[in-house]
PDB file of N, CA and C in Angstrom:
ATOM      1  N   MET A   1      -8.050   9.502  23.935  1.00  0.00           N
ATOM      2  CA  MET A   1      -7.835  10.287  22.654  1.00  0.00           C
ATOM      3  C   MET A   1      -8.402  11.498  22.808  1.00  0.00           C
ATOM      4  N   THR A   2      -7.752  12.631  22.485  1.00  0.00           N
ATOM      5  CA  THR A   2      -8.158  13.933  22.445  1.00  0.00           C
ATOM      6  C   THR A   2      -8.868  14.519  21.088  1.00  0.00           C
ATOM      7  N   HIS A   3      -9.792  15.027  21.132  1.00  0.00           N
ATOM      8  CA  HIS A   3     -10.418  15.672  20.078  1.00  0.00           C
ATOM      9  C   HIS A   3     -10.293  17.211  20.019  1.00  0.00           C
ATOM     10  N   GLY A   4      -9.293  17.708  19.454  1.00  0.00           N
ATOM     11  CA  GLY A   4      -9.365  19.098  19.487  1.00  0.00           C
ATOM     12  C   GLY A   4      -9.932  19.790  18.125  1.00  0.00           C
ATOM     13  N   ALA A   5      -9.866  20.925  17.874  1.00  0.00           N
ATOM     14  CA  ALA A   5     -10.706  21.817  16.819  1.00  0.00           C
ATOM     15  C   ALA A   5     -10.373  20.960  15.639  1.00  0.00           C
ATOM     16  N   LEU A   6     -11.301  20.847  14.955  1.00  0.00           N
ATOM     17  CA  LEU A   6     -11.457  20.501  13.572  1.00  0.00           C
ATOM     18  C   LEU A   6     -10.916  21.332  12.518  1.00  0.00           C
ATOM     19  N   PRO A   7     -10.307  20.724  11.398  1.00  0.00           N
ATOM     20  CA  PRO A   7      -9.937  21.569  10.541  1.00  0.00           C
ATOM     21  C   PRO A   7     -10.892  22.137   9.743  1.00  0.00           C
ATOM     22  N   ASN A   8     -11.051  23.325   8.889  1.00  0.00           N
ATOM     23  CA  ASN A   8     -12.050  23.741   8.302  1.00  0.00           C
ATOM     24  C   ASN A   8     -12.706  23.209   7.298  1.00  0.00           C
ATOM     25  N   PHE A   9     -13.686  22.273   7.509  1.00  0.00           N
ATOM     26  CA  PHE A   9     -14.346  21.645   6.324  1.00  0.00           C
ATOM     27  C   PHE A   9     -15.957  21.878   6.663  1.00  0.00           C
ATOM     28  N   THR A  10     -16.776  21.241   5.647  1.00  0.00           N
ATOM     29  CA  THR A  10     -18.187  21.694   5.815  1.00  0.00           C
ATOM     30  C   THR A  10     -18.847  20.486   6.515  1.00  0.00           C
ATOM     31  N   VAL A  11     -19.507  20.500   7.437  1.00  0.00           N
ATOM     32  CA  VAL A  11     -20.522  19.273   7.946  1.00  0.00           C
ATOM     33  C   VAL A  11     -21.785  19.369   7.428  1.00  0.00           C
ATOM     34  N   SER A  12     -22.095  18.281   6.970  1.00  0.00           N
ATOM     35  CA  SER A  12     -23.275  18.234   6.303  1.00  0.00           C
ATOM     36  C   SER A  12     -24.530  18.267   7.241  1.00  0.00           C
ATOM     37  N   ARG A  13     -25.667  18.737   6.749  1.00  0.00           N
ATOM     38  CA  ARG A  13     -26.953  18.584   7.856  1.00  0.00           C
ATOM     39  C   ARG A  13     -26.865  17.247   8.313  1.00  0.00           C
ATOM     40  N   GLY A  14     -26.837  16.368   7.474  1.00  0.00           N
ATOM     41  CA  GLY A  14     -27.087  14.702   7.844  1.00  0.00           C
ATOM     42  C   GLY A  14     -26.040  14.689   8.893  1.00  0.00           C
ATOM     43  N   ASP A  15     -24.858  14.801   9.022  1.00  0.00           N
ATOM     44  CA  ASP A  15     -23.943  14.582   9.855  1.00  0.00           C
ATOM     45  C   ASP A  15     -24.033  15.317  11.235  1.00  0.00           C
ATOM     46  N   LEU A  16     -24.638  16.408  11.210  1.00  0.00           N
ATOM     47  CA  LEU A  16     -24.995  17.132  12.597  1.00  0.00           C
ATOM     48  C   LEU A  16     -26.145  16.460  13.122  1.00  0.00           C
ATOM     49  N   CYS A  17     -27.173  16.186  12.193  1.00  0.00           N
ATOM     50  CA  CYS A  17     -28.144  15.322  12.621  1.00  0.00           C
ATOM     51  C   CYS A  17     -27.781  14.147  13.559  1.00  0.00           C
ATOM     52  N   ILE A  18     -26.844  13.226  12.915  1.00  0.00           N
ATOM     53  CA  ILE A  18     -26.565  12.074  13.587  1.00  0.00           C
ATOM     54  C   ILE A  18     -25.730  12.341  14.885  1.00  0.00           C
ATOM     55  N   VAL A  19     -25.104  13.288  14.966  1.00  0.00           N
ATOM     56  CA  VAL A  19     -24.298  13.827  16.367  1.00  0.00           C
ATOM     57  C   VAL A  19     -25.358  14.081  17.492  1.00  0.00           C
ATOM     58  N   LEU A  20     -26.425  14.947  16.886  1.00  0.00           N
ATOM     59  CA  LEU A  20     -27.401  15.645  17.755  1.00  0.00           C
ATOM     60  C   LEU A  20     -28.164  14.281  18.345  1.00  0.00           C
ATOM     61  N   ASP A  21     -28.517  13.406  17.261  1.00  0.00           N
ATOM     62  CA  ASP A  21     -29.398  12.282  17.883  1.00  0.00           C
ATOM     63  C   ASP A  21     -28.649  11.374  18.855  1.00  0.00           C
ATOM     64  N   HIS A  22     -27.394  11.264  18.642  1.00  0.00           N
ATOM     65  CA  HIS A  22     -26.732  10.521  19.490  1.00  0.00           C
ATOM     66  C   HIS A  22     -26.561  11.069  20.850  1.00  0.00           C
ATOM     67  N   ALA A  23     -26.324  12.425  21.031  1.00  0.00           N
ATOM     68  CA  ALA A  23     -26.339  12.954  22.214  1.00  0.00           C
ATOM     69  C   ALA A  23     -27.809  13.079  22.938  1.00  0.00           C
ATOM     70  N   ARG A  24     -28.652  13.229  21.937  1.00  0.00           N
ATOM     71  CA  ARG A  24     -30.161  13.347  22.582  1.00  0.00           C
ATOM     72  C   ARG A  24     -30.402  11.829  23.229  1.00  0.00           C
ATOM     73  N   ARG A  25     -29.968  10.688  22.504  1.00  0.00           N
ATOM     74  CA  ARG A  25     -30.218   9.548  23.007  1.00  0.00           C
ATOM     75  C   ARG A  25     -29.465   9.276  24.266  1.00  0.00           C
ATOM     76  N   GLY A  26     -28.519  10.155  24.898  1.00  0.00           N
ATOM     77  CA  GLY A  26     -27.679   9.984  25.907  1.00  0.00           C
ATOM     78  C   GLY A  26     -26.285   9.456  25.974  1.00  0.00           C
ATOM     79  N   GLY A  27     -26.029   9.380  24.491  1.00  0.00           N
ATOM     80  CA  GLY A  27     -24.621   9.006  24.353  1.00  0.00           C
ATOM     81  C   GLY A  27     -23.520  10.208  24.258  1.00  0.00           C
ATOM     82  N   ALA A  28     -22.693  10.157  24.855  1.00  0.00           N
ATOM     83  CA  ALA A  28     -21.493  11.028  24.918  1.00  0.00           C
ATOM     84  C   ALA A  28     -21.005  11.177  23.518  1.00  0.00           C
ATOM     85  N   VAL A  29     -20.548  12.479  23.008  1.00  0.00           N
ATOM     86  CA  VAL A  29     -19.962  13.000  21.856  1.00  0.00           C
ATOM     87  C   VAL A  29     -18.661  12.414  21.684  1.00  0.00           C
ATOM     88  N   SER A  30     -18.001  12.053  22.675  1.00  0.00           N
ATOM     89  CA  SER A  30     -16.823  11.532  22.651  1.00  0.00           C
ATOM     90  C   SER A  30     -16.866   9.948  22.025  1.00  0.00           C
ATOM     91  N   GLU A  31     -17.851   9.339  22.811  1.00  0.00           N
ATOM     92  CA  GLU A  31     -18.009   7.859  22.052  1.00  0.00           C
ATOM     93  C   GLU A  31     -18.230   7.791  20.842  1.00  0.00           C
ATOM     94  N   LEU A  32     -19.046   8.689  20.371  1.00  0.00           N
ATOM     95  CA  LEU A  32     -19.515   8.857  18.843  1.00  0.00           C
ATOM     96  C   LEU A  32     -18.423   9.318  18.010  1.00  0.00           C
ATOM     97  N   LEU A  33     -17.482  10.041  18.313  1.00  0.00           N
ATOM     98  CA  LEU A  33     -16.293  10.236  17.764  1.00  0.00           C
ATOM     99  C   LEU A  33     -15.414   9.355  17.729  1.00  0.00           C
ATOM    100  N   ASP A  34     -15.255   8.599  18.823  1.00  0.00           N
ATOM    101  CA  ASP A  34     -14.503   7.395  18.796  1.00  0.00           C
ATOM    102  C   ASP A  34     -15.055   6.252  17.758  1.00  0.00           C
ATOM    103  N   ALA A  35     -16.172   6.140  17.640  1.00  0.00           N
ATOM    104  CA  ALA A  35     -17.109   5.402  16.565  1.00  0.00           C
ATOM    105  C   ALA A  35     -16.530   5.808  15.305  1.00  0.00           C
ATOM    106  N   VAL A  36     -16.608   7.060  15.142  1.00  0.00           N
ATOM    107  CA  VAL A  36     -16.399   7.701  13.764  1.00  0.00           C
ATOM    108  C   VAL A  36     -14.954   7.435  13.380  1.00  0.00           C
ATOM    109  N   ASP A  37     -13.983   7.401  14.250  1.00  0.00           N
ATOM    110  CA  ASP A  37     -12.545   7.265  14.189  1.00  0.00           C
ATOM    111  C   ASP A  37     -12.267   5.790  13.787  1.00  0.00           C
ATOM    112  N   ALA A  38     -13.185   4.922  14.417  1.00  0.00           N
ATOM    113  CA  ALA A  38     -12.985   3.467  14.034  1.00  0.00           C
ATOM    114  C   ALA A  38     -13.438   3.188  12.785  1.00  0.00           C
ATOM    115  N   LEU A  39     -14.434   3.938  12.176  1.00  0.00           N
ATOM    116  CA  LEU A  39     -14.662   3.827  10.656  1.00  0.00           C
ATOM    117  C   LEU A  39     -13.635   4.142   9.839  1.00  0.00           C
ATOM    118  N   LEU A  40     -13.175   5.304  10.177  1.00  0.00           N
ATOM    119  CA  LEU A  40     -12.102   5.913   9.252  1.00  0.00           C
ATOM    120  C   LEU A  40     -10.963   4.877   9.192  1.00  0.00           C
ATOM    121  N   THR A  41     -10.652   4.067  10.307  1.00  0.00           N
ATOM    122  CA  THR A  41      -9.337   3.337  10.260  1.00  0.00           C
ATOM    123  C   THR A  41      -9.544   1.838   9.811  1.00  0.00           C
ATOM    124  N   ARG A  42     -10.953   1.845   9.311  1.00  0.00           N
ATOM    125  CA  ARG A  42     -10.999   0.301   8.750  1.00  0.00           C
ATOM    126  C   ARG A  42     -10.422   0.357   7.493  1.00  0.00           C
ATOM    127  N   PRO A  43     -10.021  -1.140   7.132  1.00  0.00           N
ATOM    128  CA  PRO A  43      -9.292  -1.181   5.886  1.00  0.00           C
ATOM    129  C   PRO A  43     -10.187  -0.787   4.577  1.00  0.00           C
ATOM    130  N   ASP A  44      -9.380  -0.249   3.715  1.00  0.00           N
ATOM    131  CA  ASP A  44      -9.840   0.097   2.467  1.00  0.00           C
ATOM    132  C   ASP A  44     -10.381  -1.003   1.651  1.00  0.00           C
ATOM    133  N   ASP A  45     -11.508  -1.079   1.299  1.00  0.00           N
ATOM    134  CA  ASP A  45     -12.176  -2.248   0.844  1.00  0.00           C
ATOM    135  C   ASP A  45     -12.398  -1.995  -0.919  1.00  0.00           C
ATOM    136  N   ALA A  46     -11.894  -0.878  -1.359  1.00  0.00           N
ATOM    137  CA  ALA A  46     -12.198  -0.558  -2.655  1.00  0.00           C
ATOM    138  C   ALA A  46     -11.446  -1.710  -3.698  1.00  0.00           C
ATOM    139  N   LEU A  47     -12.278  -2.230  -4.653  1.00  0.00           N
ATOM    140  CA  LEU A  47     -11.555  -3.080  -5.521  1.00  0.00           C
ATOM    141  C   LEU A  47     -11.119  -2.683  -6.731  1.00  0.00           C
ATOM    142  N   PRO A  48      -9.866  -2.882  -7.296  1.00  0.00           N
ATOM    143  CA  PRO A  48      -9.582  -2.443  -8.627  1.00  0.00           C
ATOM    144  C   PRO A  48     -10.835  -2.709  -9.686  1.00  0.00           C
ATOM    145  N   PRO A  49     -10.618  -2.309 -10.767  1.00  0.00           N
ATOM    146  CA  PRO A  49     -11.510  -2.569 -11.869  1.00  0.00           C
ATOM    147  C   PRO A  49     -11.296  -4.411 -12.259  1.00  0.00           C
ATOM    148  N   PRO A  50     -12.508  -4.867 -12.681  1.00  0.00           N
ATOM    149  CA  PRO A  50     -12.561  -6.311 -13.199  1.00  0.00           C
ATOM    150  C   PRO A  50     -11.137  -6.645 -13.970  1.00  0.00           C
ATOM    151  N   ASP A  51     -10.794  -5.868 -14.904  1.00  0.00           N
ATOM    152  CA  ASP A  51      -9.727  -6.462 -15.752  1.00  0.00           C
ATOM    153  C   ASP A  51      -8.440  -6.344 -14.872  1.00  0.00           C
ATOM    154  N   VAL A  52      -8.095  -5.338 -14.159  1.00  0.00           N
ATOM    155  CA  VAL A  52      -6.994  -5.426 -13.373  1.00  0.00           C
ATOM    156  C   VAL A  52      -7.097  -6.615 -12.256  1.00  0.00           C
ATOM    157  N   ARG A  53      -8.190  -7.138 -11.750  1.00  0.00           N
ATOM    158  CA  ARG A  53      -8.334  -8.070 -10.961  1.00  0.00           C
ATOM    159  C   ARG A  53      -7.938  -9.450 -11.618  1.00  0.00           C
ATOM    160  N   ALA A  54      -8.290  -9.554 -12.787  1.00  0.00           N
ATOM    161  CA  ALA A  54      -7.951 -10.618 -13.598  1.00  0.00           C
ATOM    162  C   ALA A  54      -6.350 -10.843 -13.776  1.00  0.00           C
ATOM    163  N   ARG A  55      -6.092  -9.562 -14.361  1.00  0.00           N
ATOM    164  CA  ARG A  55      -4.548  -9.723 -14.765  1.00  0.00           C
ATOM    165  C   ARG A  55      -3.765  -9.890 -13.520  1.00  0.00           C
ATOM    166  N   LEU A  56      -4.103  -9.253 -12.428  1.00  0.00           N
ATOM    167  CA  LEU A  56      -3.321  -9.803 -11.089  1.00  0.00           C
ATOM    168  C   LEU A  56      -3.075 -11.113 -10.921  1.00  0.00           C
ATOM    169  N   ARG A  57      -4.467 -11.952 -11.068  1.00  0.00           N
ATOM    170  CA  ARG A  57      -4.282 -13.360 -10.684  1.00  0.00           C
ATOM    171  C   ARG A  57      -3.716 -14.001 -11.742  1.00  0.00           C
ATOM    172  N   LYS A  58      -3.796 -13.839 -12.944  1.00  0.00           N
ATOM    173  CA  LYS A  58      -3.192 -14.163 -13.949  1.00  0.00           C
ATOM    174  C   LYS A  58      -1.610 -14.160 -13.889  1.00  0.00           C
ATOM    175  N   ALA A  59      -1.056 -12.809 -13.552  1.00  0.00           N
ATOM    176  CA  ALA A  59       0.055 -12.726 -13.349  1.00  0.00           C
ATOM    177  C   ALA A  59       0.863 -13.587 -12.236  1.00  0.00           C
ATOM    178  N   ASP A  60      -0.011 -14.032 -11.299  1.00  0.00           N
ATOM    179  CA  ASP A  60       0.636 -14.976 -10.279  1.00  0.00           C
ATOM    180  C   ASP A  60       0.323 -16.410 -10.761  1.00  0.00           C
ATOM    181  N   GLY A  61       0.008 -16.683 -11.738  1.00  0.00           N
ATOM    182  CA  GLY A  61      -0.196 -18.084 -12.372  1.00  0.00           C
ATOM    183  C   GLY A  61      -1.173 -19.060 -11.668  1.00  0.00           C
ATOM    184  N   LEU A  62      -2.382 -18.102 -11.286  1.00  0.00           N
ATOM    185  CA  LEU A  62      -3.404 -18.905 -10.740  1.00  0.00           C
ATOM    186  C   LEU A  62      -4.637 -19.224 -11.465  1.00  0.00           C
ATOM    187  N   THR A  63      -5.469 -19.886 -11.400  1.00  0.00           N
ATOM    188  CA  THR A  63      -6.789 -20.147 -12.069  1.00  0.00           C
ATOM    189  C   THR A  63      -7.829 -19.667 -11.195  1.00  0.00           C
ATOM    190  N   GLN A  64      -8.985 -19.420 -11.500  1.00  0.00           N
ATOM    191  CA  GLN A  64     -10.483 -19.265 -10.584  1.00  0.00           C
ATOM    192  C   GLN A  64     -10.431 -20.108  -9.853  1.00  0.00           C
ATOM    193  N   GLU A  65     -10.385 -21.394 -10.135  1.00  0.00           N
ATOM    194  CA  GLU A  65     -10.585 -22.527  -9.445  1.00  0.00           C
ATOM    195  C   GLU A  65      -9.877 -22.374  -8.021  1.00  0.00           C
ATOM    196  N   GLU A  66      -8.482 -22.391  -8.260  1.00  0.00           N
ATOM    197  CA  GLU A  66      -7.531 -22.331  -7.280  1.00  0.00           C
ATOM    198  C   GLU A  66      -7.745 -21.088  -6.202  1.00  0.00           C
ATOM    199  N   VAL A  67      -8.152 -19.995  -6.777  1.00  0.00           N
ATOM    200  CA  VAL A  67      -8.414 -19.041  -5.776  1.00  0.00           C
ATOM    201  C   VAL A  67      -9.729 -19.093  -4.938  1.00  0.00           C
ATOM    202  N   ALA A  68     -10.645 -19.441  -5.793  1.00  0.00           N
ATOM    203  CA  ALA A  68     -12.300 -19.847  -5.213  1.00  0.00           C
ATOM    204  C   ALA A  68     -11.923 -20.779  -4.047  1.00  0.00           C
ATOM    205  N   ALA A  69     -11.107 -21.996  -4.333  1.00  0.00           N
ATOM    206  CA  ALA A  69     -10.743 -22.823  -3.212  1.00  0.00           C
ATOM    207  C   ALA A  69     -10.509 -22.346  -1.861  1.00  0.00           C
ATOM    208  N   VAL A  70      -9.605 -21.525  -2.151  1.00  0.00           N
ATOM    209  CA  VAL A  70      -9.077 -20.611  -1.005  1.00  0.00           C
ATOM    210  C   VAL A  70     -10.245 -19.998  -0.086  1.00  0.00           C
ATOM    211  N   PHE A  71     -10.955 -19.353  -0.832  1.00  0.00           N
ATOM    212  CA  PHE A  71     -11.880 -18.585  -0.076  1.00  0.00           C
ATOM    213  C   PHE A  71     -13.313 -19.430   0.084  1.00  0.00           C
ATOM    214  N   GLY A  72     -13.370 -20.679  -0.257  1.00  0.00           N
ATOM    215  CA  GLY A  72     -14.180 -21.489   0.148  1.00  0.00           C
ATOM    216  C   GLY A  72     -15.550 -21.062  -0.494  1.00  0.00           C
ATOM    217  N   VAL A  73     -15.546 -20.868  -2.039  1.00  0.00           N
ATOM    218  CA  VAL A  73     -16.521 -20.581  -2.738  1.00  0.00           C
ATOM    219  C   VAL A  73     -16.101 -21.004  -4.064  1.00  0.00           C
ATOM    220  N   THR A  74     -17.346 -21.377  -4.786  1.00  0.00           N
ATOM    221  CA  THR A  74     -17.215 -21.874  -6.080  1.00  0.00           C
ATOM    222  C   THR A  74     -16.637 -21.081  -7.098  1.00  0.00           C
ATOM    223  N   ARG A  75     -16.240 -21.826  -8.179  1.00  0.00           N
ATOM    224  CA  ARG A  75     -15.583 -21.004  -9.240  1.00  0.00           C
ATOM    225  C   ARG A  75     -16.403 -19.874  -9.845  1.00  0.00           C
ATOM    226  N   VAL A  76     -17.571 -20.273  -9.968  1.00  0.00           N
ATOM    227  CA  VAL A  76     -18.499 -19.180 -10.490  1.00  0.00           C
ATOM    228  C   VAL A  76     -18.874 -18.120  -9.594  1.00  0.00           C
ATOM    229  N   ALA A  77     -18.813 -18.650  -8.394  1.00  0.00           N
ATOM    230  CA  ALA A  77     -18.878 -17.243  -7.336  1.00  0.00           C
ATOM    231  C   ALA A  77     -17.744 -16.363  -7.530  1.00  0.00           C
ATOM    232  N   PHE A  78     -16.594 -16.976  -7.634  1.00  0.00           N
ATOM    233  CA  PHE A  78     -15.394 -16.104  -7.759  1.00  0.00           C
ATOM    234  C   PHE A  78     -15.207 -15.456  -9.001  1.00  0.00           C
ATOM    235  N   HIS A  79     -15.681 -16.029 -10.175  1.00  0.00           N
ATOM    236  CA  HIS A  79     -15.865 -15.506 -11.496  1.00  0.00           C
ATOM    237  C   HIS A  79     -16.613 -14.147 -11.270  1.00  0.00           C
ATOM    238  N   ARG A  80     -17.686 -14.326 -10.590  1.00  0.00           N
ATOM    239  CA  ARG A  80     -18.699 -13.043 -10.484  1.00  0.00           C
ATOM    240  C   ARG A  80     -17.865 -11.994  -9.563  1.00  0.00           C
ATOM    241  N   TRP A  81     -17.082 -12.327  -8.631  1.00  0.00           N
ATOM    242  CA  TRP A  81     -16.260 -11.351  -8.061  1.00  0.00           C
ATOM    243  C   TRP A  81     -15.339 -10.658  -9.200  1.00  0.00           C
ATOM    244  N   GLU A  82     -14.381 -11.567  -9.379  1.00  0.00           N
ATOM    245  CA  GLU A  82     -13.583 -10.887 -10.593  1.00  0.00           C
ATOM    246  C   GLU A  82     -13.983 -10.143 -11.582  1.00  0.00           C
ATOM    247  N   THR A  83     -15.204 -10.332 -12.116  1.00  0.00           N
ATOM    248  CA  THR A  83     -15.697  -9.647 -13.252  1.00  0.00           C
ATOM    249  C   THR A  83     -16.764  -8.426 -12.763  1.00  0.00           C
ATOM    250  N   GLY A  84     -16.732  -8.200 -11.413  1.00  0.00           N
ATOM    251  CA  GLY A  84     -17.660  -7.251 -10.835  1.00  0.00           C
ATOM    252  C   GLY A  84     -19.074  -7.489 -10.900  1.00  0.00           C
ATOM    253  N   LEU A  85     -19.551  -8.610 -11.274  1.00  0.00           N
ATOM    254  CA  LEU A  85     -21.081  -8.903 -11.148  1.00  0.00           C
ATOM    255  C   LEU A  85     -21.478  -9.121  -9.634  1.00  0.00           C
ATOM    256  N   ALA A  86     -20.556  -9.402  -8.916  1.00  0.00           N
ATOM    257  CA  ALA A  86     -20.925  -9.590  -7.409  1.00  0.00           C
ATOM    258  C   ALA A  86     -19.745  -8.944  -6.622  1.00  0.00           C
ATOM    259  N   LYS A  87     -20.183  -8.885  -5.231  1.00  0.00           N
ATOM    260  CA  LYS A  87     -18.981  -8.383  -4.305  1.00  0.00           C
ATOM    261  C   LYS A  87     -19.123  -9.288  -3.038  1.00  0.00           C
ATOM    262  N   PRO A  88     -17.893  -9.637  -2.747  1.00  0.00           N
ATOM    263  CA  PRO A  88     -17.920 -10.571  -1.644  1.00  0.00           C
ATOM    264  C   PRO A  88     -18.412  -9.854  -0.425  1.00  0.00           C
ATOM    265  N   HIS A  89     -19.042 -10.743   0.526  1.00  0.00           N
ATOM    266  CA  HIS A  89     -19.375 -10.297   1.863  1.00  0.00           C
ATOM    267  C   HIS A  89     -18.102  -9.777   2.697  1.00  0.00           C
ATOM    268  N   ARG A  90     -18.411  -8.908   3.593  1.00  0.00           N
ATOM    269  CA  ARG A  90     -17.236  -8.127   4.493  1.00  0.00           C
ATOM    270  C   ARG A  90     -15.980  -9.127   4.707  1.00  0.00           C
ATOM    271  N   ARG A  91     -16.092 -10.202   5.204  1.00  0.00           N
ATOM    272  CA  ARG A  91     -14.816 -10.790   5.567  1.00  0.00           C
ATOM    273  C   ARG A  91     -14.066 -11.367   4.372  1.00  0.00           C
ATOM    274  N   ARG A  92     -14.960 -12.031   3.479  1.00  0.00           N
ATOM    275  CA  ARG A  92     -14.191 -12.261   2.337  1.00  0.00           C
ATOM    276  C   ARG A  92     -13.819 -11.218   1.429  1.00  0.00           C
ATOM    277  N   LEU A  93     -14.449 -10.133   1.536  1.00  0.00           N
ATOM    278  CA  LEU A  93     -14.232  -8.899   0.937  1.00  0.00           C
ATOM    279  C   LEU A  93     -12.947  -8.265   1.326  1.00  0.00           C
ATOM    280  N   GLU A  94     -12.481  -8.215   2.694  1.00  0.00           N
ATOM    281  CA  GLU A  94     -11.461  -7.575   2.964  1.00  0.00           C
ATOM    282  C   GLU A  94     -10.394  -8.657   2.694  1.00  0.00           C
ATOM    283  N   ALA A  95     -10.384 -10.173   2.776  1.00  0.00           N
ATOM    284  CA  ALA A  95      -9.454 -10.682   2.294  1.00  0.00           C
ATOM    285  C   ALA A  95      -9.043 -10.735   0.795  1.00  0.00           C
ATOM    286  N   TYR A  96     -10.010 -10.767   0.049  1.00  0.00           N
ATOM    287  CA  TYR A  96      -9.801 -10.584  -1.389  1.00  0.00           C
ATOM    288  C   TYR A  96      -8.968  -9.246  -1.656  1.00  0.00           C
ATOM    289  N   VAL A  97      -9.387  -8.235  -1.141  1.00  0.00           N
ATOM    290  CA  VAL A  97      -8.843  -6.743  -1.214  1.00  0.00           C
ATOM    291  C   VAL A  97      -7.325  -6.892  -0.808  1.00  0.00           C
ATOM    292  N   ARG A  98      -6.896  -7.672   0.459  1.00  0.00           N
ATOM    293  CA  ARG A  98      -5.671  -8.154   0.692  1.00  0.00           C
ATOM    294  C   ARG A  98      -4.835  -8.825  -0.325  1.00  0.00           C
ATOM    295  N   LEU A  99      -5.601  -9.887  -0.893  1.00  0.00           N
ATOM    296  CA  LEU A  99      -4.977 -10.681  -1.868  1.00  0.00           C
ATOM    297  C   LEU A  99      -4.523  -9.634  -3.043  1.00  0.00           C
ATOM    298  N   LEU A 100      -5.494  -8.941  -3.390  1.00  0.00           N
ATOM    299  CA  LEU A 100      -5.105  -8.134  -4.747  1.00  0.00           C
ATOM    300  C   LEU A 100      -4.212  -7.038  -4.510  1.00  0.00           C
ATOM    301  N   ASN A 101      -4.051  -6.391  -3.242  1.00  0.00           N
ATOM    302  CA  ASN A 101      -2.747  -5.705  -2.908  1.00  0.00           C
ATOM    303  C   ASN A 101      -1.658  -6.400  -2.894  1.00  0.00           C
ATOM    304  N   GLY A 102      -1.463  -7.477  -2.525  1.00  0.00           N
ATOM    305  CA  GLY A 102      -0.167  -8.350  -2.393  1.00  0.00           C
ATOM    306  C   GLY A 102       0.246  -8.808  -3.670  1.00  0.00           C
ATOM    307  N   TRP A 103      -0.693  -9.221  -4.543  1.00  0.00           N
ATOM    308  CA  TRP A 103      -0.550  -9.309  -5.951  1.00  0.00           C
ATOM    309  C   TRP A 103      -0.040  -8.149  -6.787  1.00  0.00           C
ATOM    310  N   ALA A 104      -0.576  -6.855  -6.506  1.00  0.00           N
ATOM    311  CA  ALA A 104      -0.148  -5.524  -7.071  1.00  0.00           C
ATOM    312  C   ALA A 104       1.272  -5.228  -6.333  1.00  0.00           C
ATOM    313  N   LYS A 105       1.614  -5.706  -5.197  1.00  0.00           N
ATOM    314  CA  LYS A 105       2.990  -5.171  -4.851  1.00  0.00           C
ATOM    315  C   LYS A 105       4.121  -6.126  -5.711  1.00  0.00           C
ATOM    316  N   LYS A 106       3.540  -7.695  -5.853  1.00  0.00           N
ATOM    317  CA  LYS A 106       4.191  -8.579  -6.181  1.00  0.00           C
ATOM    318  C   LYS A 106       4.635  -8.482  -8.021  1.00  0.00           C
ATOM    319  N   HIS A 107       3.316  -7.935  -8.460  1.00  0.00           N
ATOM    320  CA  HIS A 107       3.229  -7.769  -9.952  1.00  0.00           C
ATOM    321  C   HIS A 107       2.812  -6.490 -10.691  1.00  0.00           C
ATOM    322  N   PRO A 108       3.592  -5.458 -10.203  1.00  0.00           N
ATOM    323  CA  PRO A 108       3.078  -4.190 -10.330  1.00  0.00           C
ATOM    324  C   PRO A 108       2.798  -3.927 -11.863  1.00  0.00           C
ATOM    325  N   GLU A 109       3.479  -4.522 -12.931  1.00  0.00           N
ATOM    326  CA  GLU A 109       3.366  -4.456 -14.152  1.00  0.00           C
ATOM    327  C   GLU A 109       1.721  -4.956 -14.529  1.00  0.00           C
ATOM    328  N   ALA A 110       1.162  -5.729 -13.845  1.00  0.00           N
ATOM    329  CA  ALA A 110      -0.323  -6.038 -14.189  1.00  0.00           C
ATOM    330  C   ALA A 110      -1.378  -5.171 -13.833  1.00  0.00           C
ATOM    331  N   LEU A 111      -0.719  -4.037 -13.275  1.00  0.00           N
ATOM    332  CA  LEU A 111      -1.646  -2.781 -13.013  1.00  0.00           C
ATOM    333  C   LEU A 111      -1.686  -1.680 -14.038  1.00  0.00           C
ATOM    334  N   LEU A 112      -0.846  -2.189 -14.960  1.00  0.00           N
ATOM    335  CA  LEU A 112      -0.775  -1.409 -16.566  1.00  0.00           C
ATOM    336  C   LEU A 112      -1.850  -1.848 -17.248  1.00  0.00           C
ATOM    337  N   PRO A 113      -2.427  -0.815 -18.230  1.00  0.00           N
ATOM    338  CA  PRO A 113      -3.233  -1.421 -19.122  1.00  0.00           C
ATOM    339  C   PRO A 113      -2.763  -2.282 -20.322  1.00  0.00           C
ATOM    340  N   GLU A 114      -3.426  -3.331 -20.629  1.00  0.00           N
ATOM    341  CA  GLU A 114      -2.566  -4.279 -21.576  1.00  0.00           C
ATOM    342  C   GLU A 114      -1.968  -3.656 -22.746  1.00  0.00           C
ATOM    343  N   SER A 115      -2.560  -2.502 -23.119  1.00  0.00           N
ATOM    344  CA  SER A 115      -2.161  -2.151 -24.491  1.00  0.00           C
ATOM    345  C   SER A 115      -0.479  -1.497 -24.371  1.00  0.00           C
ATOM    346  N   VAL A 116      -0.467  -0.769 -22.967  1.00  0.00           N
ATOM    347  CA  VAL A 116       1.022  -0.409 -22.481  1.00  0.00           C
ATOM    348  C   VAL A 116       1.907  -1.565 -22.346  1.00  0.00           C
ATOM    349  N   GLN A 117       1.366  -2.667 -21.545  1.00  0.00           N
ATOM    350  CA  GLN A 117       2.083  -3.809 -21.546  1.00  0.00           C
ATOM    351  C   GLN A 117       2.635  -4.438 -22.773  1.00  0.00           C
ATOM    352  N   GLN A 118       1.531  -4.681 -23.754  1.00  0.00           N
ATOM    353  CA  GLN A 118       2.121  -5.049 -25.170  1.00  0.00           C
ATOM    354  C   GLN A 118       3.234  -4.148 -25.970  1.00  0.00           C
ATOM    355  N   ALA A 119       3.019  -2.962 -25.670  1.00  0.00           N
ATOM    356  CA  ALA A 119       4.026  -1.888 -26.090  1.00  0.00           C
ATOM    357  C   ALA A 119       5.530  -2.091 -25.632  1.00  0.00           C
ATOM    358  N   GLY A 120       5.414  -2.259 -24.478  1.00  0.00           N
ATOM    359  CA  GLY A 120       6.654  -2.440 -23.584  1.00  0.00           C
ATOM    360  C   GLY A 120       7.292  -3.600 -23.850  1.00  0.00           C
TER     361      GLY A 120
END
């Protein structure tokens, strides 16, 4: 991987400190940049708002119990994910985001606010 000139952007003081600290501890800057690139390419784990999560599940005709069973958690735990009261741990979070993205492709109408759905 080659690291050319970066586009014009502001580097925060904290970012610079991380790079300098890594170099001070004997790490190559290219290794650090590779690690940063890996962070940038990790899956997006942003969850949609809770009401959208529920609409997507319901659009696919599934209950909380059914989805919870797939994830190996209780219905209460899944309910907390769906309502935004809790967030799954990393492995389950990535799988839950993948499921939500799949449902969104399958049921794009579920992404619309209910007021728009009812009007249409």
